[in-house]
Amino acid sequence: MSTYDRISTILVDRLGVAQDDISPEATFEELDLDSLDLVEFALGAEEEFGVRIGDEEAEGLRTVGDAVALLETKGVGAATA
């Protein structure tokens, strides 16, 4: 499973985002996620990928693609599934 697919699963399962609304270009604002939702997303991503996402890193995320890029710079990817 790709990093993008794993992030999509977090958004759907933990935050109730509709799968059809998720795309790499979708902003978290467009997905109706507030700051508490973003904290929940970051916690879910940390659990799923076994990495730490700092507060400043989380605040810099604007799109689903940003989250994929951040996690991939931390060395996660399909191989860690």
PDB file of N, CA and C in Angstrom:
ATOM      1  N   MET A   1       0.842  -1.171   0.000  1.00  0.00           N
ATOM      2  CA  MET A   1       0.000   0.000   0.000  1.00  0.00           C
ATOM      3  C   MET A   1       0.897   1.247   0.000  1.00  0.00           C
ATOM      4  N   SER A   2       0.573   2.201  -0.834  1.00  0.00           N
ATOM      5  CA  SER A   2       1.393   3.407  -0.953  1.00  0.00           C
ATOM      6  C   SER A   2       1.185   4.343   0.233  1.00  0.00           C
ATOM      7  N   THR A   3       2.109   5.274   0.381  1.00  0.00           N
ATOM      8  CA  THR A   3       1.982   6.296   1.427  1.00  0.00           C
ATOM      9  C   THR A   3       0.671   7.050   1.260  1.00  0.00           C
ATOM     10  N   TYR A   4       0.346   7.412   0.030  1.00  0.00           N
ATOM     11  CA  TYR A   4      -0.906   8.130  -0.245  1.00  0.00           C
ATOM     12  C   TYR A   4      -2.115   7.308   0.197  1.00  0.00           C
ATOM     13  N   ASP A   5      -2.129   6.025  -0.130  1.00  0.00           N
ATOM     14  CA  ASP A   5      -3.253   5.161   0.248  1.00  0.00           C
ATOM     15  C   ASP A   5      -3.385   5.043   1.765  1.00  0.00           C
ATOM     16  N   ARG A   6      -2.262   4.950   2.439  1.00  0.00           N
ATOM     17  CA  ARG A   6      -2.279   4.835   3.898  1.00  0.00           C
ATOM     18  C   ARG A   6      -2.776   6.135   4.533  1.00  0.00           C
ATOM     19  N   ILE A   7      -2.392   7.277   3.978  1.00  0.00           N
ATOM     20  CA  ILE A   7      -2.889   8.565   4.471  1.00  0.00           C
ATOM     21  C   ILE A   7      -4.385   8.675   4.218  1.00  0.00           C
ATOM     22  N   SER A   8      -4.817   8.248   3.039  1.00  0.00           N
ATOM     23  CA  SER A   8      -6.250   8.270   2.725  1.00  0.00           C
ATOM     24  C   SER A   8      -7.041   7.445   3.728  1.00  0.00           C
ATOM     25  N   THR A   9      -6.508   6.297   4.102  1.00  0.00           N
ATOM     26  CA  THR A   9      -7.181   5.440   5.077  1.00  0.00           C
ATOM     27  C   THR A   9      -7.317   6.147   6.423  1.00  0.00           C
ATOM     28  N   ILE A  10      -6.285   6.843   6.848  1.00  0.00           N
ATOM     29  CA  ILE A  10      -6.354   7.599   8.099  1.00  0.00           C
ATOM     30  C   ILE A  10      -7.457   8.653   8.012  1.00  0.00           C
ATOM     31  N   LEU A  11      -7.483   9.372   6.903  1.00  0.00           N
ATOM     32  CA  LEU A  11      -8.488  10.430   6.738  1.00  0.00           C
ATOM     33  C   LEU A  11      -9.904   9.865   6.749  1.00  0.00           C
ATOM     34  N   VAL A  12     -10.110   8.737   6.115  1.00  0.00           N
ATOM     35  CA  VAL A  12     -11.444   8.130   6.048  1.00  0.00           C
ATOM     36  C   VAL A  12     -11.823   7.505   7.386  1.00  0.00           C
ATOM     37  N   ASP A  13     -10.947   6.656   7.922  1.00  0.00           N
ATOM     38  CA  ASP A  13     -11.281   5.882   9.117  1.00  0.00           C
ATOM     39  C   ASP A  13     -11.289   6.699  10.400  1.00  0.00           C
ATOM     40  N   ARG A  14     -10.345   7.611  10.547  1.00  0.00           N
ATOM     41  CA  ARG A  14     -10.238   8.356  11.806  1.00  0.00           C
ATOM     42  C   ARG A  14     -10.977   9.680  11.793  1.00  0.00           C
ATOM     43  N   LEU A  15     -11.107  10.272  10.596  1.00  0.00           N
ATOM     44  CA  LEU A  15     -11.668  11.624  10.550  1.00  0.00           C
ATOM     45  C   LEU A  15     -12.964  11.718   9.754  1.00  0.00           C
ATOM     46  N   GLY A  16     -13.407  10.612   9.187  1.00  0.00           N
ATOM     47  CA  GLY A  16     -14.685  10.593   8.511  1.00  0.00           C
ATOM     48  C   GLY A  16     -14.747  11.341   7.190  1.00  0.00           C
ATOM     49  N   VAL A  17     -13.588  11.539   6.563  1.00  0.00           N
ATOM     50  CA  VAL A  17     -13.548  12.216   5.259  1.00  0.00           C
ATOM     51  C   VAL A  17     -14.042  11.239   4.193  1.00  0.00           C
ATOM     52  N   ALA A  18     -14.842  11.728   3.260  1.00  0.00           N
ATOM     53  CA  ALA A  18     -15.310  10.887   2.156  1.00  0.00           C
ATOM     54  C   ALA A  18     -14.149  10.571   1.221  1.00  0.00           C
ATOM     55  N   GLN A  19     -13.996   9.304   0.877  1.00  0.00           N
ATOM     56  CA  GLN A  19     -12.896   8.864   0.005  1.00  0.00           C
ATOM     57  C   GLN A  19     -12.867   9.663  -1.294  1.00  0.00           C
ATOM     58  N   ASP A  20     -14.036   9.939  -1.851  1.00  0.00           N
ATOM     59  CA  ASP A  20     -14.115  10.657  -3.131  1.00  0.00           C
ATOM     60  C   ASP A  20     -13.588  12.087  -3.049  1.00  0.00           C
ATOM     61  N   ASP A  21     -13.514  12.648  -1.845  1.00  0.00           N
ATOM     62  CA  ASP A  21     -13.031  14.024  -1.674  1.00  0.00           C
ATOM     63  C   ASP A  21     -11.515  14.108  -1.584  1.00  0.00           C
ATOM     64  N   ILE A  22     -10.855  12.977  -1.395  1.00  0.00           N
ATOM     65  CA  ILE A  22      -9.411  12.956  -1.166  1.00  0.00           C
ATOM     66  C   ILE A  22      -8.660  12.894  -2.486  1.00  0.00           C
ATOM     67  N   SER A  23      -7.706  13.800  -2.635  1.00  0.00           N
ATOM     68  CA  SER A  23      -6.780  13.805  -3.763  1.00  0.00           C
ATOM     69  C   SER A  23      -5.493  14.446  -3.279  1.00  0.00           C
ATOM     70  N   PRO A  24      -4.396  14.262  -3.994  1.00  0.00           N
ATOM     71  CA  PRO A  24      -3.149  14.895  -3.558  1.00  0.00           C
ATOM     72  C   PRO A  24      -3.260  16.420  -3.454  1.00  0.00           C
ATOM     73  N   GLU A  25      -4.104  17.004  -4.297  1.00  0.00           N
ATOM     74  CA  GLU A  25      -4.249  18.465  -4.319  1.00  0.00           C
ATOM     75  C   GLU A  25      -5.251  18.981  -3.297  1.00  0.00           C
ATOM     76  N   ALA A  26      -6.042  18.101  -2.697  1.00  0.00           N
ATOM     77  CA  ALA A  26      -7.069  18.525  -1.748  1.00  0.00           C
ATOM     78  C   ALA A  26      -6.423  19.143  -0.516  1.00  0.00           C
ATOM     79  N   THR A  27      -6.889  20.335  -0.158  1.00  0.00           N
ATOM     80  CA  THR A  27      -6.386  20.963   1.058  1.00  0.00           C
ATOM     81  C   THR A  27      -7.148  20.409   2.249  1.00  0.00           C
ATOM     82  N   PHE A  28      -6.515  20.479   3.412  1.00  0.00           N
ATOM     83  CA  PHE A  28      -7.196  20.034   4.616  1.00  0.00           C
ATOM     84  C   PHE A  28      -8.395  20.929   4.900  1.00  0.00           C
ATOM     85  N   GLU A  29      -8.310  22.188   4.513  1.00  0.00           N
ATOM     86  CA  GLU A  29      -9.446  23.105   4.660  1.00  0.00           C
ATOM     87  C   GLU A  29     -10.612  22.642   3.791  1.00  0.00           C
ATOM     88  N   GLU A  30     -10.329  22.265   2.549  1.00  0.00           N
ATOM     89  CA  GLU A  30     -11.380  21.760   1.657  1.00  0.00           C
ATOM     90  C   GLU A  30     -12.019  20.485   2.197  1.00  0.00           C
ATOM     91  N   LEU A  31     -11.255  19.719   2.952  1.00  0.00           N
ATOM     92  CA  LEU A  31     -11.769  18.486   3.545  1.00  0.00           C
ATOM     93  C   LEU A  31     -12.483  18.760   4.870  1.00  0.00           C
ATOM     94  N   ASP A  32     -12.647  20.043   5.196  1.00  0.00           N
ATOM     95  CA  ASP A  32     -13.338  20.492   6.418  1.00  0.00           C
ATOM     96  C   ASP A  32     -12.664  20.003   7.694  1.00  0.00           C
ATOM     97  N   LEU A  33     -11.337  19.984   7.687  1.00  0.00           N
ATOM     98  CA  LEU A  33     -10.598  19.593   8.877  1.00  0.00           C
ATOM     99  C   LEU A  33     -10.131  20.843   9.606  1.00  0.00           C
ATOM    100  N   ASP A  34     -10.423  20.914  10.903  1.00  0.00           N
ATOM    101  CA  ASP A  34      -9.970  22.047  11.703  1.00  0.00           C
ATOM    102  C   ASP A  34      -8.658  21.687  12.396  1.00  0.00           C
ATOM    103  N   SER A  35      -8.183  22.575  13.245  1.00  0.00           N
ATOM    104  CA  SER A  35      -6.875  22.354  13.871  1.00  0.00           C
ATOM    105  C   SER A  35      -6.863  21.106  14.750  1.00  0.00           C
ATOM    106  N   LEU A  36      -7.967  20.803  15.422  1.00  0.00           N
ATOM    107  CA  LEU A  36      -8.012  19.581  16.235  1.00  0.00           C
ATOM    108  C   LEU A  36      -7.990  18.336  15.355  1.00  0.00           C
ATOM    109  N   ASP A  37      -8.669  18.412  14.216  1.00  0.00           N
ATOM    110  CA  ASP A  37      -8.628  17.298  13.274  1.00  0.00           C
ATOM    111  C   ASP A  37      -7.205  17.073  12.760  1.00  0.00           C
ATOM    112  N   LEU A  38      -6.479  18.159  12.537  1.00  0.00           N
ATOM    113  CA  LEU A  38      -5.101  18.015  12.051  1.00  0.00           C
ATOM    114  C   LEU A  38      -4.204  17.371  13.097  1.00  0.00           C
ATOM    115  N   VAL A  39      -4.459  17.668  14.370  1.00  0.00           N
ATOM    116  CA  VAL A  39      -3.715  17.002  15.443  1.00  0.00           C
ATOM    117  C   VAL A  39      -4.028  15.508  15.415  1.00  0.00           C
ATOM    118  N   GLU A  40      -5.301  15.164  15.281  1.00  0.00           N
ATOM    119  CA  GLU A  40      -5.705  13.760  15.200  1.00  0.00           C
ATOM    120  C   GLU A  40      -5.075  13.075  13.982  1.00  0.00           C
ATOM    121  N   PHE A  41      -5.045  13.793  12.858  1.00  0.00           N
ATOM    122  CA  PHE A  41      -4.410  13.247  11.657  1.00  0.00           C
ATOM    123  C   PHE A  41      -2.930  12.980  11.910  1.00  0.00           C
ATOM    124  N   ALA A  42      -2.233  13.950  12.516  1.00  0.00           N
ATOM    125  CA  ALA A  42      -0.798  13.787  12.785  1.00  0.00           C
ATOM    126  C   ALA A  42      -0.558  12.602  13.712  1.00  0.00           C
ATOM    127  N   LEU A  43      -1.388  12.454  14.741  1.00  0.00           N
ATOM    128  CA  LEU A  43      -1.244  11.317  15.653  1.00  0.00           C
ATOM    129  C   LEU A  43      -1.468   9.998  14.919  1.00  0.00           C
ATOM    130  N   GLY A  44      -2.466   9.969  14.053  1.00  0.00           N
ATOM    131  CA  GLY A  44      -2.726   8.768  13.271  1.00  0.00           C
ATOM    132  C   GLY A  44      -1.574   8.427  12.347  1.00  0.00           C
ATOM    133  N   ALA A  45      -1.003   9.461  11.728  1.00  0.00           N
ATOM    134  CA  ALA A  45       0.134   9.246  10.832  1.00  0.00           C
ATOM    135  C   ALA A  45       1.353   8.762  11.610  1.00  0.00           C
ATOM    136  N   GLU A  46       1.565   9.321  12.799  1.00  0.00           N
ATOM    137  CA  GLU A  46       2.688   8.869  13.624  1.00  0.00           C
ATOM    138  C   GLU A  46       2.534   7.393  13.978  1.00  0.00           C
ATOM    139  N   GLU A  47       1.321   6.990  14.342  1.00  0.00           N
ATOM    140  CA  GLU A  47       1.078   5.579  14.674  1.00  0.00           C
ATOM    141  C   GLU A  47       1.250   4.689  13.443  1.00  0.00           C
ATOM    142  N   GLU A  48       0.681   5.108  12.332  1.00  0.00           N
ATOM    143  CA  GLU A  48       0.705   4.295  11.108  1.00  0.00           C
ATOM    144  C   GLU A  48       2.117   4.122  10.566  1.00  0.00           C
ATOM    145  N   PHE A  49       2.907   5.199  10.607  1.00  0.00           N
ATOM    146  CA  PHE A  49       4.219   5.179   9.953  1.00  0.00           C
ATOM    147  C   PHE A  49       5.394   5.041  10.918  1.00  0.00           C
ATOM    148  N   GLY A  50       5.127   5.135  12.223  1.00  0.00           N
ATOM    149  CA  GLY A  50       6.200   4.989  13.194  1.00  0.00           C
ATOM    150  C   GLY A  50       7.220   6.114  13.160  1.00  0.00           C
ATOM    151  N   VAL A  51       6.744   7.328  12.872  1.00  0.00           N
ATOM    152  CA  VAL A  51       7.622   8.496  12.831  1.00  0.00           C
ATOM    153  C   VAL A  51       7.046   9.584  13.734  1.00  0.00           C
ATOM    154  N   ARG A  52       7.852  10.565  14.021  1.00  0.00           N
ATOM    155  CA  ARG A  52       7.423  11.721  14.803  1.00  0.00           C
ATOM    156  C   ARG A  52       7.170  12.876  13.841  1.00  0.00           C
ATOM    157  N   ILE A  53       6.030  13.523  13.996  1.00  0.00           N
ATOM    158  CA  ILE A  53       5.707  14.721  13.218  1.00  0.00           C
ATOM    159  C   ILE A  53       5.670  15.881  14.193  1.00  0.00           C
ATOM    160  N   GLY A  54       6.631  16.784  14.054  1.00  0.00           N
ATOM    161  CA  GLY A  54       6.714  17.930  14.944  1.00  0.00           C
ATOM    162  C   GLY A  54       5.578  18.916  14.715  1.00  0.00           C
ATOM    163  N   ASP A  55       5.322  19.730  15.727  1.00  0.00           N
ATOM    164  CA  ASP A  55       4.245  20.715  15.629  1.00  0.00           C
ATOM    165  C   ASP A  55       4.432  21.640  14.432  1.00  0.00           C
ATOM    166  N   GLU A  56       5.657  22.109  14.227  1.00  0.00           N
ATOM    167  CA  GLU A  56       5.919  23.008  13.103  1.00  0.00           C
ATOM    168  C   GLU A  56       5.696  22.301  11.768  1.00  0.00           C
ATOM    169  N   GLU A  57       6.083  21.039  11.705  1.00  0.00           N
ATOM    170  CA  GLU A  57       5.855  20.267  10.479  1.00  0.00           C
ATOM    171  C   GLU A  57       4.364  20.118  10.213  1.00  0.00           C
ATOM    172  N   ALA A  58       3.609  19.785  11.254  1.00  0.00           N
ATOM    173  CA  ALA A  58       2.164  19.604  11.098  1.00  0.00           C
ATOM    174  C   ALA A  58       1.488  20.905  10.675  1.00  0.00           C
ATOM    175  N   GLU A  59       1.925  22.015  11.246  1.00  0.00           N
ATOM    176  CA  GLU A  59       1.343  23.312  10.904  1.00  0.00           C
ATOM    177  C   GLU A  59       1.619  23.694   9.457  1.00  0.00           C
ATOM    178  N   GLY A  60       2.691  23.158   8.876  1.00  0.00           N
ATOM    179  CA  GLY A  60       3.054  23.479   7.501  1.00  0.00           C
ATOM    180  C   GLY A  60       2.298  22.664   6.460  1.00  0.00           C
ATOM    181  N   LEU A  61       1.539  21.678   6.907  1.00  0.00           N
ATOM    182  CA  LEU A  61       0.796  20.836   5.966  1.00  0.00           C
ATOM    183  C   LEU A  61      -0.458  21.560   5.499  1.00  0.00           C
ATOM    184  N   ARG A  62      -0.602  21.674   4.195  1.00  0.00           N
ATOM    185  CA  ARG A  62      -1.790  22.319   3.621  1.00  0.00           C
ATOM    186  C   ARG A  62      -2.621  21.353   2.788  1.00  0.00           C
ATOM    187  N   THR A  63      -1.948  20.402   2.136  1.00  0.00           N
ATOM    188  CA  THR A  63      -2.647  19.465   1.253  1.00  0.00           C
ATOM    189  C   THR A  63      -2.295  18.027   1.623  1.00  0.00           C
ATOM    190  N   VAL A  64      -3.078  17.119   1.096  1.00  0.00           N
ATOM    191  CA  VAL A  64      -2.787  15.696   1.268  1.00  0.00           C
ATOM    192  C   VAL A  64      -1.417  15.391   0.667  1.00  0.00           C
ATOM    193  N   GLY A  65      -1.116  15.990  -0.463  1.00  0.00           N
ATOM    194  CA  GLY A  65       0.191  15.804  -1.090  1.00  0.00           C
ATOM    195  C   GLY A  65       1.332  16.279  -0.211  1.00  0.00           C
ATOM    196  N   ASP A  66       1.117  17.373   0.532  1.00  0.00           N
ATOM    197  CA  ASP A  66       2.133  17.850   1.479  1.00  0.00           C
ATOM    198  C   ASP A  66       2.430  16.778   2.523  1.00  0.00           C
ATOM    199  N   ALA A  67       1.372  16.127   3.012  1.00  0.00           N
ATOM    200  CA  ALA A  67       1.546  15.086   4.023  1.00  0.00           C
ATOM    201  C   ALA A  67       2.316  13.898   3.452  1.00  0.00           C
ATOM    202  N   VAL A  68       1.991  13.507   2.230  1.00  0.00           N
ATOM    203  CA  VAL A  68       2.722  12.416   1.574  1.00  0.00           C
ATOM    204  C   VAL A  68       4.199  12.787   1.454  1.00  0.00           C
ATOM    205  N   ALA A  69       4.475  13.995   0.969  1.00  0.00           N
ATOM    206  CA  ALA A  69       5.864  14.434   0.783  1.00  0.00           C
ATOM    207  C   ALA A  69       6.621  14.457   2.109  1.00  0.00           C
ATOM    208  N   LEU A  70       5.982  14.969   3.168  1.00  0.00           N
ATOM    209  CA  LEU A  70       6.637  15.021   4.476  1.00  0.00           C
ATOM    210  C   LEU A  70       6.992  13.615   4.945  1.00  0.00           C
ATOM    211  N   LEU A  71       6.040  12.716   4.861  1.00  0.00           N
ATOM    212  CA  LEU A  71       6.305  11.357   5.334  1.00  0.00           C
ATOM    213  C   LEU A  71       7.364  10.666   4.493  1.00  0.00           C
ATOM    214  N   GLU A  72       7.356  10.906   3.206  1.00  0.00           N
ATOM    215  CA  GLU A  72       8.375  10.280   2.358  1.00  0.00           C
ATOM    216  C   GLU A  72       9.764  10.854   2.624  1.00  0.00           C
ATOM    217  N   THR A  73       9.860  12.132   3.038  1.00  0.00           N
ATOM    218  CA  THR A  73      11.173  12.661   3.412  1.00  0.00           C
ATOM    219  C   THR A  73      11.666  12.040   4.706  1.00  0.00           C
ATOM    220  N   LYS A  74      10.741  11.483   5.479  1.00  0.00           N
ATOM    221  CA  LYS A  74      11.120  10.795   6.712  1.00  0.00           C
ATOM    222  C   LYS A  74      11.470   9.328   6.465  1.00  0.00           C
ATOM    223  N   GLY A  75      11.467   8.952   5.192  1.00  0.00           N
ATOM    224  CA  GLY A  75      11.906   7.612   4.828  1.00  0.00           C
ATOM    225  C   GLY A  75      10.828   6.552   4.844  1.00  0.00           C
ATOM    226  N   VAL A  76       9.556   6.973   4.915  1.00  0.00           N
ATOM    227  CA  VAL A  76       8.493   5.969   4.872  1.00  0.00           C
ATOM    228  C   VAL A  76       8.050   5.801   3.434  1.00  0.00           C
ATOM    229  N   GLY A  77       7.378   4.742   3.179  1.00  0.00           N
ATOM    230  CA  GLY A  77       6.877   4.468   1.835  1.00  0.00           C
ATOM    231  C   GLY A  77       6.219   3.118   1.816  1.00  0.00           C
ATOM    232  N   ALA A  78       5.892   2.655   0.652  1.00  0.00           N
ATOM    233  CA  ALA A  78       5.186   1.388   0.503  1.00  0.00           C
ATOM    234  C   ALA A  78       5.976   0.226   1.112  1.00  0.00           C
ATOM    235  N   ALA A  79       7.290   0.348   1.111  1.00  0.00           N
ATOM    236  CA  ALA A  79       8.121  -0.748   1.622  1.00  0.00           C
ATOM    237  C   ALA A  79       7.944  -0.960   3.126  1.00  0.00           C
ATOM    238  N   THR A  80       7.418   0.057   3.844  1.00  0.00           N
ATOM    239  CA  THR A  80       7.259  -0.069   5.284  1.00  0.00           C
ATOM    240  C   THR A  80       5.900  -0.621   5.673  1.00  0.00           C
ATOM    241  N   ALA A  81       5.075  -0.938   4.679  1.00  0.00           N
ATOM    242  CA  ALA A  81       3.713  -1.426   4.970  1.00  0.00           C
ATOM    243  C   ALA A  81       3.762  -2.798   5.608  1.00  0.00           C
TER     244      ALA A  81
END
